[in-house]
N, C-alpha and C. Protein backbone atom coordinates (compact mmCIF):
# COMPACT_ATOMS: atom_id res chain seq x y z
N UNK A 1 0.83 -1.19 -0.01
CA UNK A 1 -0.01 0.01 -0.01
C UNK A 1 0.87 1.23 0.00
N UNK A 2 0.55 2.16 -0.83
CA UNK A 2 1.30 3.43 -0.84
C UNK A 2 1.06 4.22 0.41
N UNK A 3 2.03 4.94 0.91
CA UNK A 3 1.85 5.66 2.16
C UNK A 3 1.16 6.98 1.95
N UNK A 4 0.82 7.62 3.06
CA UNK A 4 0.27 8.98 3.03
C UNK A 4 1.41 9.95 3.22
N UNK A 5 1.09 11.21 3.05
CA UNK A 5 2.06 12.26 3.20
C UNK A 5 2.34 12.57 4.67
N UNK A 6 3.49 13.09 5.02
CA UNK A 6 3.77 13.56 6.36
C UNK A 6 3.08 14.85 6.65
N UNK A 7 3.23 15.35 7.89
CA UNK A 7 2.62 16.65 8.20
C UNK A 7 3.10 17.74 7.28
N UNK A 8 2.21 18.64 6.86
CA UNK A 8 2.57 19.72 5.96
C UNK A 8 3.64 20.61 6.55
N UNK A 9 3.55 20.81 7.87
CA UNK A 9 4.53 21.68 8.54
C UNK A 9 4.85 21.04 9.92
N UNK A 10 6.10 21.19 10.37
CA UNK A 10 6.39 20.73 11.77
C UNK A 10 5.69 21.64 12.74
N UNK A 11 5.57 21.20 14.04
CA UNK A 11 4.98 22.09 15.02
C UNK A 11 5.67 23.44 15.01
N UNK A 12 4.87 24.50 15.08
CA UNK A 12 5.44 25.83 15.07
C UNK A 12 4.38 26.88 14.99
N UNK A 13 4.69 28.00 14.39
CA UNK A 13 3.79 29.15 14.37
C UNK A 13 2.52 28.88 13.61
N UNK A 14 2.53 27.95 12.66
CA UNK A 14 1.35 27.71 11.85
C UNK A 14 0.40 26.69 12.42
N UNK A 15 0.69 26.20 13.61
CA UNK A 15 -0.22 25.25 14.25
C UNK A 15 -1.20 26.00 15.12
N UNK A 16 -2.28 25.29 15.50
CA UNK A 16 -3.31 25.98 16.25
C UNK A 16 -2.98 26.11 17.72
N UNK A 17 -3.61 27.07 18.40
CA UNK A 17 -3.32 27.34 19.75
C UNK A 17 -3.83 26.17 20.66
N UNK A 18 -3.10 26.02 21.79
CA UNK A 18 -3.52 25.02 22.75
C UNK A 18 -4.68 25.54 23.59
N UNK A 19 -5.59 24.64 23.94
CA UNK A 19 -6.65 24.99 24.85
C UNK A 19 -6.18 24.72 26.30
N UNK A 20 -7.04 25.06 27.24
CA UNK A 20 -6.63 24.95 28.65
C UNK A 20 -6.31 23.52 29.00
N UNK A 21 -7.13 22.54 28.59
CA UNK A 21 -6.85 21.19 28.96
C UNK A 21 -5.60 20.68 28.28
N UNK A 22 -5.32 21.20 27.07
CA UNK A 22 -4.08 20.84 26.38
C UNK A 22 -2.88 21.42 27.07
N UNK A 23 -3.02 22.62 27.58
CA UNK A 23 -1.91 23.25 28.34
C UNK A 23 -1.57 22.40 29.55
N UNK A 24 -2.59 21.90 30.22
CA UNK A 24 -2.37 21.01 31.39
C UNK A 24 -1.65 19.76 30.93
N UNK A 25 -2.12 19.20 29.83
CA UNK A 25 -1.47 18.00 29.30
C UNK A 25 -0.01 18.25 28.91
N UNK A 26 0.20 19.45 28.32
CA UNK A 26 1.59 19.83 27.95
C UNK A 26 2.49 19.92 29.14
N UNK A 27 1.98 20.48 30.25
CA UNK A 27 2.76 20.54 31.46
C UNK A 27 3.11 19.18 31.97
N UNK A 28 2.23 18.22 31.72
CA UNK A 28 2.47 16.85 32.13
C UNK A 28 3.34 16.13 31.07
N UNK A 29 3.61 16.80 29.99
CA UNK A 29 4.51 16.28 28.95
C UNK A 29 3.77 15.31 28.01
N UNK A 30 2.47 15.42 27.85
CA UNK A 30 1.77 14.43 27.02
C UNK A 30 0.48 14.99 26.43
N UNK A 31 0.51 15.19 25.11
CA UNK A 31 -0.72 15.64 24.42
C UNK A 31 -1.44 14.49 23.68
N UNK A 32 -0.87 13.29 23.74
CA UNK A 32 -1.41 12.13 23.01
C UNK A 32 -1.56 10.92 23.91
N UNK A 33 -1.73 11.18 25.21
CA UNK A 33 -2.09 10.08 26.12
C UNK A 33 -1.14 8.90 26.08
N UNK A 34 0.16 9.22 26.16
CA UNK A 34 1.21 8.19 26.43
C UNK A 34 1.19 7.07 25.38
N UNK A 35 1.47 7.47 24.13
CA UNK A 35 1.55 6.50 23.05
C UNK A 35 2.50 5.36 23.38
N UNK A 36 3.61 5.63 24.04
CA UNK A 36 4.60 4.65 24.36
C UNK A 36 4.02 3.51 25.24
N UNK A 37 2.96 3.83 26.03
CA UNK A 37 2.43 2.88 26.94
C UNK A 37 1.23 2.15 26.34
N UNK A 38 0.83 2.41 25.11
CA UNK A 38 -0.31 1.76 24.54
C UNK A 38 -0.05 0.26 24.43
N UNK A 39 -1.06 -0.53 24.68
CA UNK A 39 -0.94 -1.98 24.64
C UNK A 39 -0.85 -2.43 23.16
N UNK A 40 -0.33 -3.65 22.95
CA UNK A 40 -0.30 -4.18 21.57
C UNK A 40 -1.71 -4.57 21.15
N UNK A 41 -1.89 -4.69 19.87
CA UNK A 41 -3.17 -5.10 19.28
C UNK A 41 -3.03 -6.45 18.60
N UNK A 42 -3.91 -7.38 18.91
CA UNK A 42 -3.97 -8.68 18.23
C UNK A 42 -4.71 -8.52 16.93
N UNK A 43 -4.04 -8.79 15.81
CA UNK A 43 -4.67 -8.65 14.48
C UNK A 43 -4.60 -10.01 13.75
N UNK A 44 -5.22 -10.05 12.63
CA UNK A 44 -5.23 -11.26 11.78
C UNK A 44 -3.84 -11.54 11.17
N UNK A 45 -2.97 -10.55 11.21
CA UNK A 45 -1.63 -10.77 10.63
C UNK A 45 -0.55 -10.89 11.73
N UNK A 46 -0.95 -10.80 12.99
CA UNK A 46 0.00 -10.93 14.08
C UNK A 46 -0.22 -9.89 15.15
N UNK A 47 0.66 -9.91 16.14
CA UNK A 47 0.62 -8.97 17.25
C UNK A 47 1.32 -7.70 16.80
N UNK A 48 0.57 -6.56 16.93
CA UNK A 48 1.10 -5.32 16.43
C UNK A 48 1.17 -4.30 17.57
N UNK A 49 2.18 -3.49 17.58
CA UNK A 49 2.28 -2.42 18.54
C UNK A 49 3.04 -1.23 17.92
N UNK A 50 2.75 -0.05 18.50
CA UNK A 50 3.42 1.19 18.12
C UNK A 50 4.58 1.44 19.10
N UNK A 51 5.77 1.66 18.57
CA UNK A 51 6.96 1.89 19.37
C UNK A 51 7.51 3.27 18.98
N UNK A 52 7.49 4.25 19.87
CA UNK A 52 8.03 5.59 19.48
C UNK A 52 9.46 5.48 18.97
N UNK A 53 9.74 6.28 17.97
CA UNK A 53 11.03 6.22 17.30
C UNK A 53 12.13 6.76 18.22
N UNK A 54 13.28 6.08 18.16
CA UNK A 54 14.54 6.60 18.74
C UNK A 54 15.50 6.78 17.56
N UNK A 55 15.90 8.01 17.31
CA UNK A 55 16.70 8.28 16.12
C UNK A 55 17.97 7.46 16.05
N UNK A 56 18.65 7.34 17.19
CA UNK A 56 19.97 6.66 17.18
C UNK A 56 19.78 5.18 16.82
N UNK A 57 18.63 4.61 17.06
CA UNK A 57 18.31 3.23 16.77
C UNK A 57 17.66 3.02 15.45
N UNK A 58 16.78 3.92 15.04
CA UNK A 58 15.85 3.64 13.96
C UNK A 58 16.13 4.44 12.70
N UNK A 59 17.01 5.42 12.69
CA UNK A 59 17.19 6.29 11.55
C UNK A 59 17.60 5.51 10.31
N UNK A 60 18.58 4.58 10.33
CA UNK A 60 18.91 3.88 9.08
C UNK A 60 17.73 3.13 8.49
N UNK A 61 16.91 2.48 9.30
CA UNK A 61 15.77 1.75 8.78
C UNK A 61 14.77 2.71 8.13
N UNK A 62 14.41 3.79 8.80
CA UNK A 62 13.41 4.68 8.25
C UNK A 62 13.95 5.40 7.00
N UNK A 63 15.23 5.74 7.00
CA UNK A 63 15.82 6.38 5.84
C UNK A 63 15.75 5.43 4.61
N UNK A 64 16.02 4.21 4.84
CA UNK A 64 15.89 3.21 3.76
C UNK A 64 14.49 3.17 3.18
N UNK A 65 13.52 3.19 4.03
CA UNK A 65 12.15 3.19 3.56
C UNK A 65 11.82 4.46 2.78
N UNK A 66 12.31 5.60 3.27
CA UNK A 66 11.99 6.88 2.62
C UNK A 66 12.64 6.95 1.21
N UNK A 67 13.65 6.15 0.99
CA UNK A 67 14.33 6.15 -0.31
C UNK A 67 13.77 5.12 -1.29
N UNK A 68 12.74 4.40 -0.87
CA UNK A 68 12.05 3.48 -1.79
C UNK A 68 11.23 4.40 -2.71
N UNK A 69 11.32 4.27 -4.03
CA UNK A 69 10.60 5.16 -4.93
C UNK A 69 9.07 5.21 -4.68
N UNK A 70 8.48 4.13 -4.31
CA UNK A 70 7.03 4.13 -4.05
C UNK A 70 6.69 4.98 -2.83
N UNK A 71 7.61 5.00 -1.88
CA UNK A 71 7.40 5.85 -0.67
C UNK A 71 7.75 7.29 -1.00
N UNK A 72 8.86 7.50 -1.62
CA UNK A 72 9.37 8.84 -1.90
C UNK A 72 8.39 9.63 -2.75
N UNK A 73 7.58 8.97 -3.59
CA UNK A 73 6.67 9.70 -4.46
C UNK A 73 5.63 10.51 -3.67
N UNK A 74 5.33 10.10 -2.45
CA UNK A 74 4.37 10.79 -1.63
C UNK A 74 4.94 11.47 -0.42
N UNK A 75 5.96 10.86 0.20
CA UNK A 75 6.55 11.47 1.38
C UNK A 75 7.57 12.55 1.02
N UNK A 76 8.26 12.39 -0.13
CA UNK A 76 9.19 13.41 -0.57
C UNK A 76 10.29 13.63 0.43
N UNK A 77 10.81 12.56 1.01
CA UNK A 77 11.92 12.64 1.97
C UNK A 77 13.11 11.75 1.52
N UNK A 78 13.17 11.44 0.26
CA UNK A 78 14.33 10.70 -0.23
C UNK A 78 15.61 11.51 -0.12
N UNK A 79 16.72 10.82 0.05
CA UNK A 79 18.00 11.53 0.19
C UNK A 79 18.82 10.92 1.33
N UNK A 80 19.83 11.66 1.77
CA UNK A 80 20.67 11.16 2.89
C UNK A 80 19.87 11.10 4.18
N UNK A 81 20.45 10.43 5.19
CA UNK A 81 19.73 10.29 6.43
C UNK A 81 19.46 11.57 7.15
N UNK A 82 20.20 12.64 6.81
CA UNK A 82 19.95 13.93 7.41
C UNK A 82 18.56 14.47 7.06
N UNK A 83 18.05 14.14 5.88
CA UNK A 83 16.74 14.57 5.46
C UNK A 83 15.67 13.93 6.34
N UNK A 84 15.77 12.61 6.49
CA UNK A 84 14.80 11.90 7.41
C UNK A 84 14.99 12.37 8.84
N UNK A 85 16.20 12.50 9.28
CA UNK A 85 16.48 12.92 10.67
C UNK A 85 15.85 14.25 10.98
N UNK A 86 15.94 15.21 10.08
CA UNK A 86 15.36 16.55 10.27
C UNK A 86 13.87 16.43 10.45
N UNK A 87 13.21 15.63 9.58
CA UNK A 87 11.75 15.46 9.67
C UNK A 87 11.31 14.84 10.99
N UNK A 88 11.98 13.81 11.36
CA UNK A 88 11.61 13.07 12.63
C UNK A 88 11.99 13.91 13.86
N UNK A 89 13.16 14.55 13.84
CA UNK A 89 13.61 15.30 15.01
C UNK A 89 12.66 16.49 15.29
N UNK A 90 12.09 17.06 14.25
CA UNK A 90 11.14 18.18 14.47
C UNK A 90 9.98 17.73 15.33
N UNK A 91 9.60 16.47 15.23
CA UNK A 91 8.49 15.92 16.07
C UNK A 91 9.04 15.56 17.47
N UNK A 92 10.18 14.91 17.49
CA UNK A 92 10.72 14.43 18.76
C UNK A 92 11.07 15.63 19.67
N UNK A 93 11.46 16.72 19.11
CA UNK A 93 11.88 17.88 19.93
C UNK A 93 10.74 18.93 19.97
N UNK A 94 9.59 18.63 19.45
CA UNK A 94 8.46 19.53 19.54
C UNK A 94 7.73 19.37 20.83
N UNK A 95 6.45 19.87 20.86
CA UNK A 95 5.70 19.85 22.13
C UNK A 95 4.83 18.62 22.34
N UNK A 96 5.03 17.66 21.42
CA UNK A 96 4.25 16.39 21.58
C UNK A 96 3.00 16.32 20.77
N UNK A 97 2.79 17.26 19.85
CA UNK A 97 1.60 17.23 19.02
C UNK A 97 1.65 16.07 17.99
N UNK A 98 2.83 15.58 17.73
CA UNK A 98 3.01 14.49 16.81
C UNK A 98 4.06 13.51 17.36
N UNK A 99 3.78 12.22 17.32
CA UNK A 99 4.66 11.19 17.85
C UNK A 99 5.01 10.24 16.73
N UNK A 100 6.27 10.19 16.25
CA UNK A 100 6.66 9.26 15.22
C UNK A 100 6.92 7.89 15.83
N UNK A 101 6.40 6.86 15.19
CA UNK A 101 6.49 5.52 15.74
C UNK A 101 6.86 4.51 14.67
N UNK A 102 7.55 3.45 15.09
CA UNK A 102 7.67 2.27 14.27
C UNK A 102 6.46 1.39 14.50
N UNK A 103 5.92 0.80 13.44
CA UNK A 103 4.86 -0.22 13.57
C UNK A 103 5.59 -1.56 13.61
N UNK A 104 5.43 -2.26 14.73
CA UNK A 104 6.16 -3.51 14.97
C UNK A 104 5.19 -4.66 14.92
N UNK A 105 5.42 -5.60 14.00
CA UNK A 105 4.52 -6.74 13.80
C UNK A 105 5.25 -8.00 14.21
N UNK A 106 4.73 -8.69 15.22
CA UNK A 106 5.39 -9.89 15.73
C UNK A 106 6.87 -9.70 15.97
N UNK A 107 7.17 -8.53 16.56
CA UNK A 107 8.56 -8.23 16.94
C UNK A 107 9.42 -7.61 15.87
N UNK A 108 8.89 -7.49 14.65
CA UNK A 108 9.69 -6.93 13.55
C UNK A 108 9.19 -5.56 13.09
N UNK A 109 10.05 -4.53 13.13
CA UNK A 109 9.63 -3.23 12.63
C UNK A 109 9.38 -3.33 11.13
N UNK A 110 8.17 -2.96 10.71
CA UNK A 110 7.85 -3.10 9.25
C UNK A 110 7.04 -1.91 8.72
N UNK A 111 6.83 -0.89 9.53
CA UNK A 111 6.04 0.28 9.07
C UNK A 111 6.40 1.46 9.93
N UNK A 112 6.01 2.65 9.43
CA UNK A 112 6.27 3.89 10.15
C UNK A 112 4.95 4.64 10.27
N UNK A 113 4.62 5.09 11.48
CA UNK A 113 3.43 5.82 11.72
C UNK A 113 3.74 7.14 12.38
N UNK A 114 2.90 8.16 12.12
CA UNK A 114 2.91 9.38 12.88
C UNK A 114 1.51 9.58 13.44
N UNK A 115 1.44 9.60 14.75
CA UNK A 115 0.16 9.85 15.45
C UNK A 115 0.20 11.28 15.86
N UNK A 116 -0.79 12.06 15.42
CA UNK A 116 -0.71 13.51 15.69
C UNK A 116 -2.08 14.09 16.04
N UNK A 117 -2.01 15.22 16.73
CA UNK A 117 -3.21 15.95 17.09
C UNK A 117 -3.72 16.76 15.90
N UNK A 118 -4.69 16.21 15.19
CA UNK A 118 -5.17 16.92 13.98
C UNK A 118 -5.79 18.22 14.32
N UNK A 119 -6.40 18.35 15.51
CA UNK A 119 -7.00 19.59 15.88
C UNK A 119 -6.01 20.69 16.21
N UNK A 120 -4.75 20.33 16.42
CA UNK A 120 -3.69 21.32 16.66
C UNK A 120 -2.73 21.41 15.51
N UNK A 121 -3.10 20.86 14.39
CA UNK A 121 -2.24 20.78 13.16
C UNK A 121 -2.79 21.75 12.16
N UNK A 122 -1.94 22.23 11.19
CA UNK A 122 -2.49 23.04 10.12
C UNK A 122 -3.70 22.43 9.37
N UNK A 123 -3.81 21.12 9.41
CA UNK A 123 -4.97 20.43 8.79
C UNK A 123 -6.25 20.97 9.33
N UNK A 124 -6.30 21.36 10.58
CA UNK A 124 -7.54 21.86 11.24
C UNK A 124 -8.08 23.10 10.58
N UNK A 125 -7.25 23.80 9.83
CA UNK A 125 -7.72 25.00 9.14
C UNK A 125 -8.55 24.63 7.89
N UNK A 126 -8.56 23.38 7.52
CA UNK A 126 -9.22 22.99 6.28
C UNK A 126 -10.50 22.14 6.49
N UNK A 127 -10.88 21.90 7.76
CA UNK A 127 -12.06 21.12 7.99
C UNK A 127 -12.63 21.52 9.36
N UNK A 128 -13.87 21.18 9.70
CA UNK A 128 -14.44 21.55 11.00
C UNK A 128 -13.88 20.64 12.10
N UNK A 129 -12.78 21.06 12.66
CA UNK A 129 -12.08 20.22 13.67
C UNK A 129 -12.83 20.17 14.95
N UNK A 130 -12.69 19.02 15.63
CA UNK A 130 -13.26 18.84 16.97
C UNK A 130 -12.09 18.64 17.95
N UNK A 131 -12.25 19.03 19.22
CA UNK A 131 -11.16 18.83 20.19
C UNK A 131 -10.75 17.36 20.24
N UNK A 132 -9.43 17.20 20.26
CA UNK A 132 -8.79 15.86 20.39
C UNK A 132 -8.92 14.97 19.12
N UNK A 133 -9.34 15.59 17.99
CA UNK A 133 -9.24 14.82 16.76
C UNK A 133 -7.76 14.33 16.62
N UNK A 134 -7.62 13.08 16.24
CA UNK A 134 -6.29 12.48 16.18
C UNK A 134 -6.04 12.00 14.73
N UNK A 135 -4.88 12.39 14.20
CA UNK A 135 -4.56 12.03 12.83
C UNK A 135 -3.52 10.92 12.76
N UNK A 136 -3.47 10.28 11.58
CA UNK A 136 -2.56 9.15 11.36
C UNK A 136 -1.91 9.33 9.98
N UNK A 137 -0.59 9.23 9.92
CA UNK A 137 0.15 9.09 8.67
C UNK A 137 0.89 7.76 8.78
N UNK A 138 1.03 7.10 7.61
CA UNK A 138 1.80 5.86 7.69
C UNK A 138 2.49 5.57 6.37
N UNK A 139 3.49 4.70 6.49
CA UNK A 139 4.03 4.00 5.31
C UNK A 139 4.33 2.58 5.69
N UNK A 140 4.14 1.70 4.73
CA UNK A 140 4.50 0.30 4.88
C UNK A 140 5.89 0.11 4.36
N UNK A 141 6.82 -0.36 5.15
CA UNK A 141 8.22 -0.34 4.76
C UNK A 141 8.60 -1.43 3.74
N UNK A 142 8.20 -2.70 4.02
CA UNK A 142 8.59 -3.78 3.18
C UNK A 142 7.71 -3.96 1.99
N UNK A 143 8.25 -4.17 0.80
CA UNK A 143 7.50 -4.37 -0.41
C UNK A 143 6.59 -5.61 -0.20
N UNK A 144 7.06 -6.62 0.51
CA UNK A 144 6.31 -7.83 0.68
C UNK A 144 5.06 -7.64 1.50
N UNK A 145 4.97 -6.53 2.25
CA UNK A 145 3.79 -6.27 3.08
C UNK A 145 2.80 -5.36 2.38
N UNK A 146 3.07 -4.97 1.15
CA UNK A 146 2.19 -4.12 0.44
C UNK A 146 1.27 -4.89 -0.53
N UNK A 147 0.09 -4.36 -0.72
CA UNK A 147 -0.81 -4.97 -1.73
C UNK A 147 -1.47 -6.26 -1.34
N UNK A 148 -1.42 -6.68 -0.06
CA UNK A 148 -2.06 -7.88 0.34
C UNK A 148 -2.94 -7.71 1.60
N UNK A 149 -3.31 -6.50 1.83
CA UNK A 149 -4.26 -6.22 2.89
C UNK A 149 -3.65 -5.91 4.24
N UNK A 150 -2.30 -5.96 4.35
CA UNK A 150 -1.68 -5.69 5.65
C UNK A 150 -1.92 -4.25 6.10
N UNK A 151 -1.80 -3.31 5.17
CA UNK A 151 -2.01 -1.91 5.48
C UNK A 151 -3.44 -1.63 6.01
N UNK A 152 -4.37 -2.25 5.36
CA UNK A 152 -5.78 -2.13 5.82
C UNK A 152 -5.96 -2.61 7.25
N UNK A 153 -5.39 -3.77 7.53
CA UNK A 153 -5.46 -4.36 8.87
C UNK A 153 -4.81 -3.46 9.90
N UNK A 154 -3.65 -2.92 9.57
CA UNK A 154 -2.92 -2.08 10.53
C UNK A 154 -3.62 -0.76 10.72
N UNK A 155 -4.23 -0.19 9.69
CA UNK A 155 -4.97 1.04 9.84
C UNK A 155 -6.11 0.88 10.80
N UNK A 156 -6.83 -0.22 10.66
CA UNK A 156 -7.95 -0.50 11.58
C UNK A 156 -7.43 -0.66 13.00
N UNK A 157 -6.29 -1.37 13.12
CA UNK A 157 -5.71 -1.64 14.45
C UNK A 157 -5.27 -0.33 15.08
N UNK A 158 -4.61 0.53 14.35
CA UNK A 158 -4.09 1.79 14.89
C UNK A 158 -5.26 2.71 15.29
N UNK A 159 -6.26 2.78 14.45
CA UNK A 159 -7.46 3.60 14.78
C UNK A 159 -8.09 3.08 16.07
N UNK A 160 -8.16 1.81 16.22
CA UNK A 160 -8.73 1.23 17.44
C UNK A 160 -7.84 1.53 18.66
N UNK A 161 -6.52 1.47 18.48
CA UNK A 161 -5.65 1.82 19.56
C UNK A 161 -5.85 3.29 20.02
N UNK A 162 -5.98 4.14 19.03
CA UNK A 162 -6.22 5.56 19.38
C UNK A 162 -7.52 5.72 20.15
N UNK A 163 -8.61 5.12 19.67
CA UNK A 163 -9.89 5.23 20.33
C UNK A 163 -9.91 4.55 21.69
N UNK A 164 -9.16 3.50 21.85
CA UNK A 164 -9.10 2.78 23.13
C UNK A 164 -8.31 3.54 24.16
N UNK A 165 -7.27 4.21 23.72
CA UNK A 165 -6.34 4.87 24.71
C UNK A 165 -6.51 6.37 24.77
N UNK A 166 -7.35 6.97 23.94
CA UNK A 166 -7.61 8.40 23.96
C UNK A 166 -9.10 8.59 24.14
N UNK A 167 -9.63 8.46 25.35
CA UNK A 167 -11.12 8.49 25.57
C UNK A 167 -11.74 9.81 25.18
N UNK A 168 -10.99 10.89 25.08
CA UNK A 168 -11.57 12.21 24.66
C UNK A 168 -11.61 12.35 23.14
N UNK A 169 -10.99 11.47 22.44
CA UNK A 169 -10.96 11.52 20.98
C UNK A 169 -12.22 10.81 20.44
N UNK A 170 -12.94 11.56 19.60
CA UNK A 170 -14.13 10.99 19.00
C UNK A 170 -13.94 10.57 17.55
N UNK A 171 -12.81 10.98 16.92
CA UNK A 171 -12.57 10.72 15.51
C UNK A 171 -11.10 10.52 15.23
N UNK A 172 -10.75 9.57 14.36
CA UNK A 172 -9.41 9.39 13.88
C UNK A 172 -9.45 9.83 12.40
N UNK A 173 -8.48 10.66 12.03
CA UNK A 173 -8.45 11.21 10.67
C UNK A 173 -7.20 10.86 9.92
N UNK A 174 -7.30 10.94 8.57
CA UNK A 174 -6.14 10.84 7.72
C UNK A 174 -6.39 11.70 6.50
N UNK A 175 -5.33 12.07 5.81
CA UNK A 175 -5.50 12.91 4.63
C UNK A 175 -4.53 12.45 3.54
N UNK A 176 -4.72 11.25 3.03
CA UNK A 176 -3.86 10.74 1.92
C UNK A 176 -4.03 11.60 0.66
N UNK A 177 -2.99 11.67 -0.09
CA UNK A 177 -3.04 12.33 -1.41
C UNK A 177 -4.14 11.68 -2.22
N UNK A 178 -5.00 12.52 -2.81
CA UNK A 178 -6.14 11.94 -3.61
C UNK A 178 -5.69 11.07 -4.76
N UNK A 179 -4.43 11.27 -5.21
CA UNK A 179 -3.90 10.44 -6.28
C UNK A 179 -3.47 9.07 -5.83
N UNK A 180 -3.30 8.95 -4.50
CA UNK A 180 -2.79 7.70 -3.92
C UNK A 180 -3.96 6.73 -3.70
N UNK A 181 -4.48 6.19 -4.81
CA UNK A 181 -5.68 5.36 -4.72
C UNK A 181 -5.50 4.11 -3.86
N UNK A 182 -4.41 3.43 -3.90
CA UNK A 182 -4.26 2.28 -2.96
C UNK A 182 -4.38 2.68 -1.51
N UNK A 183 -3.85 3.84 -1.16
CA UNK A 183 -3.96 4.31 0.24
C UNK A 183 -5.42 4.65 0.61
N UNK A 184 -6.08 5.44 -0.28
CA UNK A 184 -7.48 5.76 0.00
C UNK A 184 -8.33 4.49 0.12
N UNK A 185 -8.09 3.53 -0.77
CA UNK A 185 -8.82 2.26 -0.71
C UNK A 185 -8.57 1.52 0.61
N UNK A 186 -7.32 1.53 1.06
CA UNK A 186 -7.00 0.86 2.31
C UNK A 186 -7.71 1.49 3.50
N UNK A 187 -7.78 2.84 3.53
CA UNK A 187 -8.51 3.52 4.61
C UNK A 187 -9.98 3.16 4.55
N UNK A 188 -10.56 3.14 3.38
CA UNK A 188 -11.98 2.76 3.28
C UNK A 188 -12.21 1.35 3.79
N UNK A 189 -11.32 0.42 3.41
CA UNK A 189 -11.45 -0.95 3.89
C UNK A 189 -11.17 -1.11 5.35
N UNK A 190 -10.41 -0.12 5.89
CA UNK A 190 -10.04 -0.19 7.30
C UNK A 190 -11.01 0.49 8.25
N UNK A 191 -12.23 0.85 7.76
CA UNK A 191 -13.25 1.41 8.60
C UNK A 191 -13.35 2.91 8.60
N UNK A 192 -12.58 3.57 7.74
CA UNK A 192 -12.67 5.01 7.59
C UNK A 192 -13.76 5.31 6.52
N UNK A 193 -14.32 6.51 6.63
CA UNK A 193 -15.25 6.97 5.58
C UNK A 193 -14.63 8.17 4.86
N UNK A 194 -14.96 8.32 3.61
CA UNK A 194 -14.51 9.46 2.83
C UNK A 194 -15.37 10.65 3.25
N UNK A 195 -14.79 11.73 3.76
CA UNK A 195 -15.56 12.85 4.23
C UNK A 195 -15.55 14.03 3.30
N UNK A 196 -14.39 14.30 2.61
CA UNK A 196 -14.30 15.47 1.75
C UNK A 196 -13.00 15.43 0.98
N UNK A 197 -12.96 16.24 -0.09
CA UNK A 197 -11.70 16.48 -0.76
C UNK A 197 -11.23 17.85 -0.33
N UNK A 198 -9.97 17.94 0.16
CA UNK A 198 -9.48 19.20 0.68
C UNK A 198 -8.23 19.62 -0.03
N UNK A 199 -8.16 20.91 -0.31
CA UNK A 199 -6.96 21.46 -0.97
C UNK A 199 -5.99 21.95 0.12
N UNK A 200 -5.03 21.13 0.47
CA UNK A 200 -4.04 21.49 1.47
C UNK A 200 -2.96 22.33 0.78
N UNK A 201 -2.03 22.86 1.56
CA UNK A 201 -1.01 23.73 0.98
C UNK A 201 -0.10 22.96 0.02
N UNK A 202 0.05 21.67 0.19
CA UNK A 202 1.02 20.91 -0.58
C UNK A 202 0.41 19.77 -1.39
N UNK A 203 -0.93 19.59 -1.34
CA UNK A 203 -1.50 18.49 -2.07
C UNK A 203 -3.04 18.60 -2.02
N UNK A 204 -3.70 17.92 -2.92
CA UNK A 204 -5.15 17.72 -2.83
C UNK A 204 -5.31 16.38 -2.12
N UNK A 205 -6.07 16.41 -1.02
CA UNK A 205 -6.17 15.25 -0.15
C UNK A 205 -7.57 14.72 -0.01
N UNK A 206 -7.68 13.44 0.23
CA UNK A 206 -8.95 12.85 0.63
C UNK A 206 -9.01 12.87 2.15
N UNK A 207 -9.96 13.55 2.70
CA UNK A 207 -10.11 13.54 4.16
C UNK A 207 -10.89 12.29 4.57
N UNK A 208 -10.19 11.39 5.31
CA UNK A 208 -10.78 10.14 5.71
C UNK A 208 -10.99 10.20 7.23
N UNK A 209 -12.17 9.72 7.68
CA UNK A 209 -12.50 9.78 9.10
C UNK A 209 -13.01 8.43 9.61
N UNK A 210 -12.49 8.02 10.77
CA UNK A 210 -13.09 6.85 11.47
C UNK A 210 -13.74 7.39 12.75
N UNK A 211 -15.06 7.29 12.85
CA UNK A 211 -15.79 7.83 13.96
C UNK A 211 -15.89 6.79 15.08
N UNK A 212 -15.70 7.24 16.31
CA UNK A 212 -15.86 6.34 17.46
C UNK A 212 -17.28 5.71 17.42
N UNK A 213 -18.27 6.49 17.10
CA UNK A 213 -19.65 6.02 17.13
C UNK A 213 -19.92 4.91 16.09
N UNK A 214 -19.05 4.87 15.06
CA UNK A 214 -19.27 3.89 13.96
C UNK A 214 -18.22 2.81 13.96
N UNK A 215 -17.34 2.75 14.96
CA UNK A 215 -16.19 1.84 14.91
C UNK A 215 -16.56 0.39 14.82
N UNK A 216 -17.71 0.03 15.37
CA UNK A 216 -18.16 -1.37 15.37
C UNK A 216 -19.14 -1.67 14.22
N UNK A 217 -19.35 -0.65 13.38
CA UNK A 217 -20.25 -0.80 12.24
C UNK A 217 -19.49 -0.88 10.93
N UNK A 218 -18.50 -0.01 10.78
CA UNK A 218 -17.66 0.01 9.55
C UNK A 218 -16.43 -0.85 9.67
């Protein structure tokens, strides 16, 4: 499955202001309810968990994925490891609005996810955001894991992890490039609904939403 794009901008002046409850969470050092402590998910393809990225450990692996032509076409982070390091470090050294993670399946890192606060991201300027909306970006690293439904399974699993561990979150969102039809299809198969086409600063995107109220229906 082709990946989605990364955040349009790192945390900074173009992101939305924090609310009072978010300021309290920021003082506690956590805007995303402790992603590192989230339990693993049992899926049809194996035991899956999100493991926050450590640059000194994970940079070579993620850089290799970013230089895969199928990934680079949408993430646009091909090049030396400094390119990937800059992208990931902006999140690791930010205020916690976005957490970069390895997707680990049966003990093997095989995907890259970014779990982010969509309501505090520039994306929120393009749709009617709700407090604690949570966004997902991903790429599937290994060619052997693409095109056989693994991405769909993991998208459903990650959305469920968000909803299980973030009780204030009512929706999980994604905004794949509208041209990335395998990605859009995977989101639809993974329980997301197509909500709108949005013109972001860097792409035309399909706004995909998985609603808490519909999680057991779709």
